[in-house]
């Protein structure tokens, strides 16, 4: 079997595949390509009135790429996880190479939420997220969607869909449709780091036309 390097990992992502482990102690990884793929339409993120009020209040501090390792640790810090030691190592290396990115949610100096993923041209493949405060994950996703839009991304892949993601606007598409969208998005020249400024909560809500 070909050794799993960041180059192999990126090649797999370009084909629509991503790796998982059975649990944190598993020594082997396996490739996954869901028949139905979760995606966030970047122009249809659902912000409820209550969430809009919360975002405008700015109860947390938002950063990008400030603590990638901390976000990975937070995502893996569950009773069950598919993030083993090899995934930790590979994605930290991807981050160092500029291909993996994180968005952090802070309460004072404490990291209380975040999300990380891999960028491929104009596609962002979300890997995992965590939350230690109520609504921190919703706020993280709202800021991430806004950030991806401002950086010119056109595809936000969530891999699978959950009721939580669906409530925020995520939908499922078939494997072939996902491959088509990925092929188009990969041709774009987008950089997650091209926008460094963190916007106000008011502007995040204002830019989202799907508030309800």
C-alpha atoms as a PDB file:
ATOM      1  CA  UNK A   1       0.000   0.000   0.000  1.00  0.00           C
ATOM      2  CA  UNK A   2       1.284   3.456  -0.896  1.00  0.00           C
ATOM      3  CA  UNK A   3       2.477   5.358   2.205  1.00  0.00           C
ATOM      4  CA  UNK A   4      -0.018   8.000   3.245  1.00  0.00           C
ATOM      5  CA  UNK A   5       1.612  11.397   2.753  1.00  0.00           C
ATOM      6  CA  UNK A   6       0.088  14.841   2.438  1.00  0.00           C
ATOM      7  CA  UNK A   7       0.588  14.581  -1.339  1.00  0.00           C
ATOM      8  CA  UNK A   8      -1.425  11.339  -1.436  1.00  0.00           C
ATOM      9  CA  UNK A   9      -4.031  12.889   0.844  1.00  0.00           C
ATOM     10  CA  UNK A  10      -4.521  15.903  -1.426  1.00  0.00           C
ATOM     11  CA  UNK A  11      -4.726  13.660  -4.473  1.00  0.00           C
ATOM     12  CA  UNK A  12      -7.508  11.707  -2.761  1.00  0.00           C
ATOM     13  CA  UNK A  13      -9.406  14.898  -1.916  1.00  0.00           C
ATOM     14  CA  UNK A  14      -9.248  15.938  -5.560  1.00  0.00           C
ATOM     15  CA  UNK A  15     -11.004  12.653  -6.381  1.00  0.00           C
ATOM     16  CA  UNK A  16     -13.697  13.195  -3.722  1.00  0.00           C
ATOM     17  CA  UNK A  17     -12.225  10.845  -1.095  1.00  0.00           C
ATOM     18  CA  UNK A  18     -11.273  11.486   2.522  1.00  0.00           C
ATOM     19  CA  UNK A  19      -9.747   9.262   5.244  1.00  0.00           C
ATOM     20  CA  UNK A  20     -11.197   8.087   8.544  1.00  0.00           C
ATOM     21  CA  UNK A  21     -10.165   5.750  11.356  1.00  0.00           C
ATOM     22  CA  UNK A  22     -12.429   3.455  13.353  1.00  0.00           C
ATOM     23  CA  UNK A  23     -11.405   5.167  16.607  1.00  0.00           C
ATOM     24  CA  UNK A  24      -8.641   7.155  18.236  1.00  0.00           C
ATOM     25  CA  UNK A  25      -6.519   4.040  18.862  1.00  0.00           C
ATOM     26  CA  UNK A  26      -6.910   2.520  15.392  1.00  0.00           C
ATOM     27  CA  UNK A  27      -3.684   2.033  13.477  1.00  0.00           C
ATOM     28  CA  UNK A  28      -5.228   1.899  10.014  1.00  0.00           C
ATOM     29  CA  UNK A  29      -7.158   4.428   7.946  1.00  0.00           C
ATOM     30  CA  UNK A  30      -9.738   3.782   5.249  1.00  0.00           C
ATOM     31  CA  UNK A  31     -11.021   5.922   2.395  1.00  0.00           C
ATOM     32  CA  UNK A  32     -14.586   7.216   2.325  1.00  0.00           C
ATOM     33  CA  UNK A  33     -16.673   8.579  -0.557  1.00  0.00           C
ATOM     34  CA  UNK A  34     -20.307   8.975   0.571  1.00  0.00           C
ATOM     35  CA  UNK A  35     -23.081   8.116  -1.873  1.00  0.00           C
ATOM     36  CA  UNK A  36     -24.860  11.252  -0.627  1.00  0.00           C
ATOM     37  CA  UNK A  37     -22.619  14.217   0.176  1.00  0.00           C
ATOM     38  CA  UNK A  38     -23.398  17.037   2.586  1.00  0.00           C
ATOM     39  CA  UNK A  39     -22.722  20.549   1.291  1.00  0.00           C
ATOM     40  CA  UNK A  40     -23.462  24.079   2.487  1.00  0.00           C
ATOM     41  CA  UNK A  41     -24.760  26.342  -0.285  1.00  0.00           C
ATOM     42  CA  UNK A  42     -22.688  29.402   0.544  1.00  0.00           C
ATOM     43  CA  UNK A  43     -25.522  31.753  -0.390  1.00  0.00           C
ATOM     44  CA  UNK A  44     -28.122  29.964   1.732  1.00  0.00           C
ATOM     45  CA  UNK A  45     -26.803  29.752   5.296  1.00  0.00           C
ATOM     46  CA  UNK A  46     -29.782  29.935   7.642  1.00  0.00           C
ATOM     47  CA  UNK A  47     -29.441  32.496  10.422  1.00  0.00           C
ATOM     48  CA  UNK A  48     -32.476  32.565  12.689  1.00  0.00           C
ATOM     49  CA  UNK A  49     -33.502  35.769  14.427  1.00  0.00           C
ATOM     50  CA  UNK A  50     -32.183  34.485  17.748  1.00  0.00           C
ATOM     51  CA  UNK A  51     -28.847  33.474  16.214  1.00  0.00           C
ATOM     52  CA  UNK A  52     -28.606  36.826  14.426  1.00  0.00           C
ATOM     53  CA  UNK A  53     -29.076  38.650  17.743  1.00  0.00           C
ATOM     54  CA  UNK A  54     -26.401  36.489  19.345  1.00  0.00           C
ATOM     55  CA  UNK A  55     -23.889  37.046  16.528  1.00  0.00           C
ATOM     56  CA  UNK A  56     -24.447  40.820  16.676  1.00  0.00           C
ATOM     57  CA  UNK A  57     -23.713  40.755  20.435  1.00  0.00           C
ATOM     58  CA  UNK A  58     -20.296  39.202  19.700  1.00  0.00           C
ATOM     59  CA  UNK A  59     -20.068  37.063  22.844  1.00  0.00           C
ATOM     60  CA  UNK A  60     -16.925  35.353  21.532  1.00  0.00           C
ATOM     61  CA  UNK A  61     -13.704  36.331  19.789  1.00  0.00           C
ATOM     62  CA  UNK A  62     -13.171  34.783  16.347  1.00  0.00           C
ATOM     63  CA  UNK A  63      -9.795  34.010  14.774  1.00  0.00           C
ATOM     64  CA  UNK A  64      -8.542  32.040  11.782  1.00  0.00           C
ATOM     65  CA  UNK A  65      -5.493  29.746  11.769  1.00  0.00           C
ATOM     66  CA  UNK A  66      -4.558  30.878  15.272  1.00  0.00           C
ATOM     67  CA  UNK A  67      -4.634  27.437  16.920  1.00  0.00           C
ATOM     68  CA  UNK A  68      -5.071  24.690  14.337  1.00  0.00           C
ATOM     69  CA  UNK A  69      -3.745  22.018  16.676  1.00  0.00           C
ATOM     70  CA  UNK A  70      -6.057  23.144  19.467  1.00  0.00           C
ATOM     71  CA  UNK A  71      -9.071  22.866  17.154  1.00  0.00           C
ATOM     72  CA  UNK A  72      -8.027  19.353  16.122  1.00  0.00           C
ATOM     73  CA  UNK A  73      -7.615  18.399  19.773  1.00  0.00           C
ATOM     74  CA  UNK A  74     -11.065  19.799  20.542  1.00  0.00           C
ATOM     75  CA  UNK A  75     -12.624  17.850  17.676  1.00  0.00           C
ATOM     76  CA  UNK A  76     -10.931  14.642  18.815  1.00  0.00           C
ATOM     77  CA  UNK A  77     -11.813  15.139  22.479  1.00  0.00           C
ATOM     78  CA  UNK A  78     -15.000  13.081  22.410  1.00  0.00           C
ATOM     79  CA  UNK A  79     -15.956   9.653  23.723  1.00  0.00           C
ATOM     80  CA  UNK A  80     -15.870   8.351  20.141  1.00  0.00           C
ATOM     81  CA  UNK A  81     -13.787   9.861  17.354  1.00  0.00           C
ATOM     82  CA  UNK A  82     -12.393   8.934  13.929  1.00  0.00           C
ATOM     83  CA  UNK A  83      -9.336  11.149  14.483  1.00  0.00           C
ATOM     84  CA  UNK A  84      -6.363   8.943  15.323  1.00  0.00           C
ATOM     85  CA  UNK A  85      -2.690   9.830  15.741  1.00  0.00           C
ATOM     86  CA  UNK A  86      -1.917   9.536  12.019  1.00  0.00           C
ATOM     87  CA  UNK A  87      -4.753  11.901  11.101  1.00  0.00           C
ATOM     88  CA  UNK A  88      -3.486  14.335  13.746  1.00  0.00           C
ATOM     89  CA  UNK A  89      -0.006  14.208  12.197  1.00  0.00           C
ATOM     90  CA  UNK A  90      -1.087  14.442   8.558  1.00  0.00           C
ATOM     91  CA  UNK A  91      -3.502  17.345   8.959  1.00  0.00           C
ATOM     92  CA  UNK A  92      -1.101  19.343  11.088  1.00  0.00           C
ATOM     93  CA  UNK A  93       1.409  18.904   8.268  1.00  0.00           C
ATOM     94  CA  UNK A  94      -1.231  19.950   5.726  1.00  0.00           C
ATOM     95  CA  UNK A  95      -1.780  23.080   7.817  1.00  0.00           C
ATOM     96  CA  UNK A  96       1.944  23.843   7.844  1.00  0.00           C
ATOM     97  CA  UNK A  97       1.954  23.442   4.056  1.00  0.00           C
ATOM     98  CA  UNK A  98      -0.952  25.888   3.712  1.00  0.00           C
ATOM     99  CA  UNK A  99      -3.626  23.382   2.640  1.00  0.00           C
ATOM    100  CA  UNK A 100      -5.572  22.977   5.900  1.00  0.00           C
ATOM    101  CA  UNK A 101      -7.135  25.797   7.905  1.00  0.00           C
ATOM    102  CA  UNK A 102      -9.055  26.444  11.078  1.00  0.00           C
ATOM    103  CA  UNK A 103     -11.474  28.965  12.512  1.00  0.00           C
ATOM    104  CA  UNK A 104     -11.431  29.385  16.279  1.00  0.00           C
ATOM    105  CA  UNK A 105     -14.014  30.591  18.800  1.00  0.00           C
ATOM    106  CA  UNK A 106     -12.590  32.051  22.031  1.00  0.00           C
ATOM    107  CA  UNK A 107     -14.087  33.050  25.340  1.00  0.00           C
ATOM    108  CA  UNK A 108     -11.372  35.197  26.807  1.00  0.00           C
ATOM    109  CA  UNK A 109      -8.234  33.081  26.469  1.00  0.00           C
ATOM    110  CA  UNK A 110     -10.132  29.764  26.398  1.00  0.00           C
ATOM    111  CA  UNK A 111     -10.733  27.971  23.117  1.00  0.00           C
ATOM    112  CA  UNK A 112     -14.415  27.019  23.279  1.00  0.00           C
ATOM    113  CA  UNK A 113     -15.185  26.030  19.680  1.00  0.00           C
ATOM    114  CA  UNK A 114     -13.848  25.741  16.195  1.00  0.00           C
ATOM    115  CA  UNK A 115     -13.844  24.029  12.833  1.00  0.00           C
ATOM    116  CA  UNK A 116     -11.083  22.860  10.494  1.00  0.00           C
ATOM    117  CA  UNK A 117     -10.848  21.602   6.933  1.00  0.00           C
ATOM    118  CA  UNK A 118      -8.879  21.333   3.716  1.00  0.00           C
ATOM    119  CA  UNK A 119      -8.912  23.833   0.832  1.00  0.00           C
ATOM    120  CA  UNK A 120      -8.662  22.825  -2.823  1.00  0.00           C
ATOM    121  CA  UNK A 121      -8.904  25.799  -5.177  1.00  0.00           C
ATOM    122  CA  UNK A 122     -12.395  27.155  -4.563  1.00  0.00           C
ATOM    123  CA  UNK A 123     -13.531  24.172  -2.482  1.00  0.00           C
ATOM    124  CA  UNK A 124     -13.343  23.921   1.292  1.00  0.00           C
ATOM    125  CA  UNK A 125     -13.719  20.390   2.651  1.00  0.00           C
ATOM    126  CA  UNK A 126     -14.869  20.684   6.248  1.00  0.00           C
ATOM    127  CA  UNK A 127     -13.432  17.939   8.423  1.00  0.00           C
ATOM    128  CA  UNK A 128     -14.744  18.390  11.945  1.00  0.00           C
ATOM    129  CA  UNK A 129     -15.924  20.934  14.487  1.00  0.00           C
ATOM    130  CA  UNK A 130     -16.414  21.157  18.221  1.00  0.00           C
ATOM    131  CA  UNK A 131     -18.194  23.331  20.750  1.00  0.00           C
ATOM    132  CA  UNK A 132     -17.781  23.791  24.493  1.00  0.00           C
ATOM    133  CA  UNK A 133     -20.348  26.588  24.782  1.00  0.00           C
ATOM    134  CA  UNK A 134     -23.937  26.779  23.649  1.00  0.00           C
ATOM    135  CA  UNK A 135     -24.243  27.993  20.035  1.00  0.00           C
ATOM    136  CA  UNK A 136     -20.461  28.279  19.618  1.00  0.00           C
ATOM    137  CA  UNK A 137     -20.565  25.838  16.705  1.00  0.00           C
ATOM    138  CA  UNK A 138     -23.358  27.786  14.987  1.00  0.00           C
ATOM    139  CA  UNK A 139     -21.380  30.994  15.338  1.00  0.00           C
ATOM    140  CA  UNK A 140     -18.244  29.255  14.024  1.00  0.00           C
ATOM    141  CA  UNK A 141     -20.114  28.067  10.935  1.00  0.00           C
ATOM    142  CA  UNK A 142     -21.674  31.494  10.315  1.00  0.00           C
ATOM    143  CA  UNK A 143     -18.259  33.164  10.401  1.00  0.00           C
ATOM    144  CA  UNK A 144     -16.716  30.386   8.304  1.00  0.00           C
ATOM    145  CA  UNK A 145     -19.379  30.641   5.587  1.00  0.00           C
ATOM    146  CA  UNK A 146     -18.898  34.418   5.520  1.00  0.00           C
ATOM    147  CA  UNK A 147     -15.117  33.996   5.345  1.00  0.00           C
ATOM    148  CA  UNK A 148     -15.323  31.496   2.485  1.00  0.00           C
ATOM    149  CA  UNK A 149     -17.612  33.819   0.546  1.00  0.00           C
ATOM    150  CA  UNK A 150     -15.253  36.760   0.982  1.00  0.00           C
ATOM    151  CA  UNK A 151     -12.321  34.613  -0.182  1.00  0.00           C
ATOM    152  CA  UNK A 152     -14.198  33.558  -3.330  1.00  0.00           C
ATOM    153  CA  UNK A 153     -14.884  29.904  -2.479  1.00  0.00           C
ATOM    154  CA  UNK A 154     -17.839  28.279  -4.239  1.00  0.00           C
ATOM    155  CA  UNK A 155     -18.075  24.853  -2.559  1.00  0.00           C
ATOM    156  CA  UNK A 156     -18.294  24.042   1.157  1.00  0.00           C
ATOM    157  CA  UNK A 157     -18.231  20.267   1.615  1.00  0.00           C
ATOM    158  CA  UNK A 158     -19.481  18.924   4.981  1.00  0.00           C
ATOM    159  CA  UNK A 159     -18.925  15.255   3.990  1.00  0.00           C
ATOM    160  CA  UNK A 160     -22.014  14.001   5.821  1.00  0.00           C
ATOM    161  CA  UNK A 161     -25.159  15.812   6.930  1.00  0.00           C
ATOM    162  CA  UNK A 162     -26.603  15.955  10.440  1.00  0.00           C
ATOM    163  CA  UNK A 163     -29.848  17.481  11.745  1.00  0.00           C
ATOM    164  CA  UNK A 164     -27.734  20.296  13.210  1.00  0.00           C
ATOM    165  CA  UNK A 165     -26.134  21.091   9.842  1.00  0.00           C
ATOM    166  CA  UNK A 166     -29.441  20.713   7.996  1.00  0.00           C
ATOM    167  CA  UNK A 167     -31.055  23.267  10.327  1.00  0.00           C
ATOM    168  CA  UNK A 168     -28.428  25.763   9.180  1.00  0.00           C
ATOM    169  CA  UNK A 169     -28.998  25.134   5.479  1.00  0.00           C
ATOM    170  CA  UNK A 170     -26.810  22.142   4.597  1.00  0.00           C
ATOM    171  CA  UNK A 171     -28.224  19.809   1.937  1.00  0.00           C
ATOM    172  CA  UNK A 172     -27.355  16.449   0.417  1.00  0.00           C
ATOM    173  CA  UNK A 173     -26.311  15.962  -3.195  1.00  0.00           C
ATOM    174  CA  UNK A 174     -25.435  12.779  -5.081  1.00  0.00           C
ATOM    175  CA  UNK A 175     -21.893  11.558  -5.621  1.00  0.00           C
ATOM    176  CA  UNK A 176     -21.812  12.435  -9.316  1.00  0.00           C
ATOM    177  CA  UNK A 177     -23.131  15.949  -8.686  1.00  0.00           C
ATOM    178  CA  UNK A 178     -20.533  16.456  -5.985  1.00  0.00           C
ATOM    179  CA  UNK A 179     -17.761  15.370  -8.345  1.00  0.00           C
ATOM    180  CA  UNK A 180     -18.983  17.876 -10.950  1.00  0.00           C
ATOM    181  CA  UNK A 181     -19.043  20.735  -8.423  1.00  0.00           C
ATOM    182  CA  UNK A 182     -15.638  19.752  -7.067  1.00  0.00           C
ATOM    183  CA  UNK A 183     -14.111  19.704 -10.562  1.00  0.00           C
ATOM    184  CA  UNK A 184     -15.379  23.246 -11.197  1.00  0.00           C
ATOM    185  CA  UNK A 185     -14.316  24.558  -7.786  1.00  0.00           C
ATOM    186  CA  UNK A 186     -10.821  23.088  -8.019  1.00  0.00           C
ATOM    187  CA  UNK A 187     -10.078  25.244 -11.073  1.00  0.00           C
ATOM    188  CA  UNK A 188     -10.445  28.463  -9.057  1.00  0.00           C
ATOM    189  CA  UNK A 189      -7.494  30.171  -7.441  1.00  0.00           C
ATOM    190  CA  UNK A 190      -8.756  30.883  -3.915  1.00  0.00           C
ATOM    191  CA  UNK A 191      -6.715  31.384  -0.762  1.00  0.00           C
ATOM    192  CA  UNK A 192      -8.262  30.928   2.686  1.00  0.00           C
ATOM    193  CA  UNK A 193      -5.606  33.318   4.025  1.00  0.00           C
ATOM    194  CA  UNK A 194      -6.353  36.101   1.519  1.00  0.00           C
ATOM    195  CA  UNK A 195      -8.762  37.780   3.969  1.00  0.00           C
ATOM    196  CA  UNK A 196      -7.217  38.325   7.384  1.00  0.00           C
ATOM    197  CA  UNK A 197      -9.649  40.799   8.927  1.00  0.00           C
ATOM    198  CA  UNK A 198     -12.355  39.331  11.179  1.00  0.00           C
ATOM    199  CA  UNK A 199     -15.636  41.114  10.419  1.00  0.00           C
ATOM    200  CA  UNK A 200     -18.074  42.429  12.987  1.00  0.00           C
ATOM    201  CA  UNK A 201     -20.995  40.259  13.940  1.00  0.00           C
ATOM    202  CA  UNK A 202     -23.317  42.862  12.478  1.00  0.00           C
ATOM    203  CA  UNK A 203     -21.658  42.652   9.050  1.00  0.00           C
ATOM    204  CA  UNK A 204     -21.741  38.825   9.083  1.00  0.00           C
ATOM    205  CA  UNK A 205     -25.496  38.933   9.613  1.00  0.00           C
ATOM    206  CA  UNK A 206     -25.968  41.833   7.195  1.00  0.00           C
ATOM    207  CA  UNK A 207     -24.218  40.011   4.366  1.00  0.00           C
ATOM    208  CA  UNK A 208     -26.392  36.944   4.833  1.00  0.00           C
ATOM    209  CA  UNK A 209     -29.600  37.484   2.907  1.00  0.00           C
ATOM    210  CA  UNK A 210     -31.294  34.354   4.241  1.00  0.00           C
ATOM    211  CA  UNK A 211     -32.031  35.575   7.755  1.00  0.00           C
ATOM    212  CA  UNK A 212     -35.387  34.441   9.077  1.00  0.00           C
END
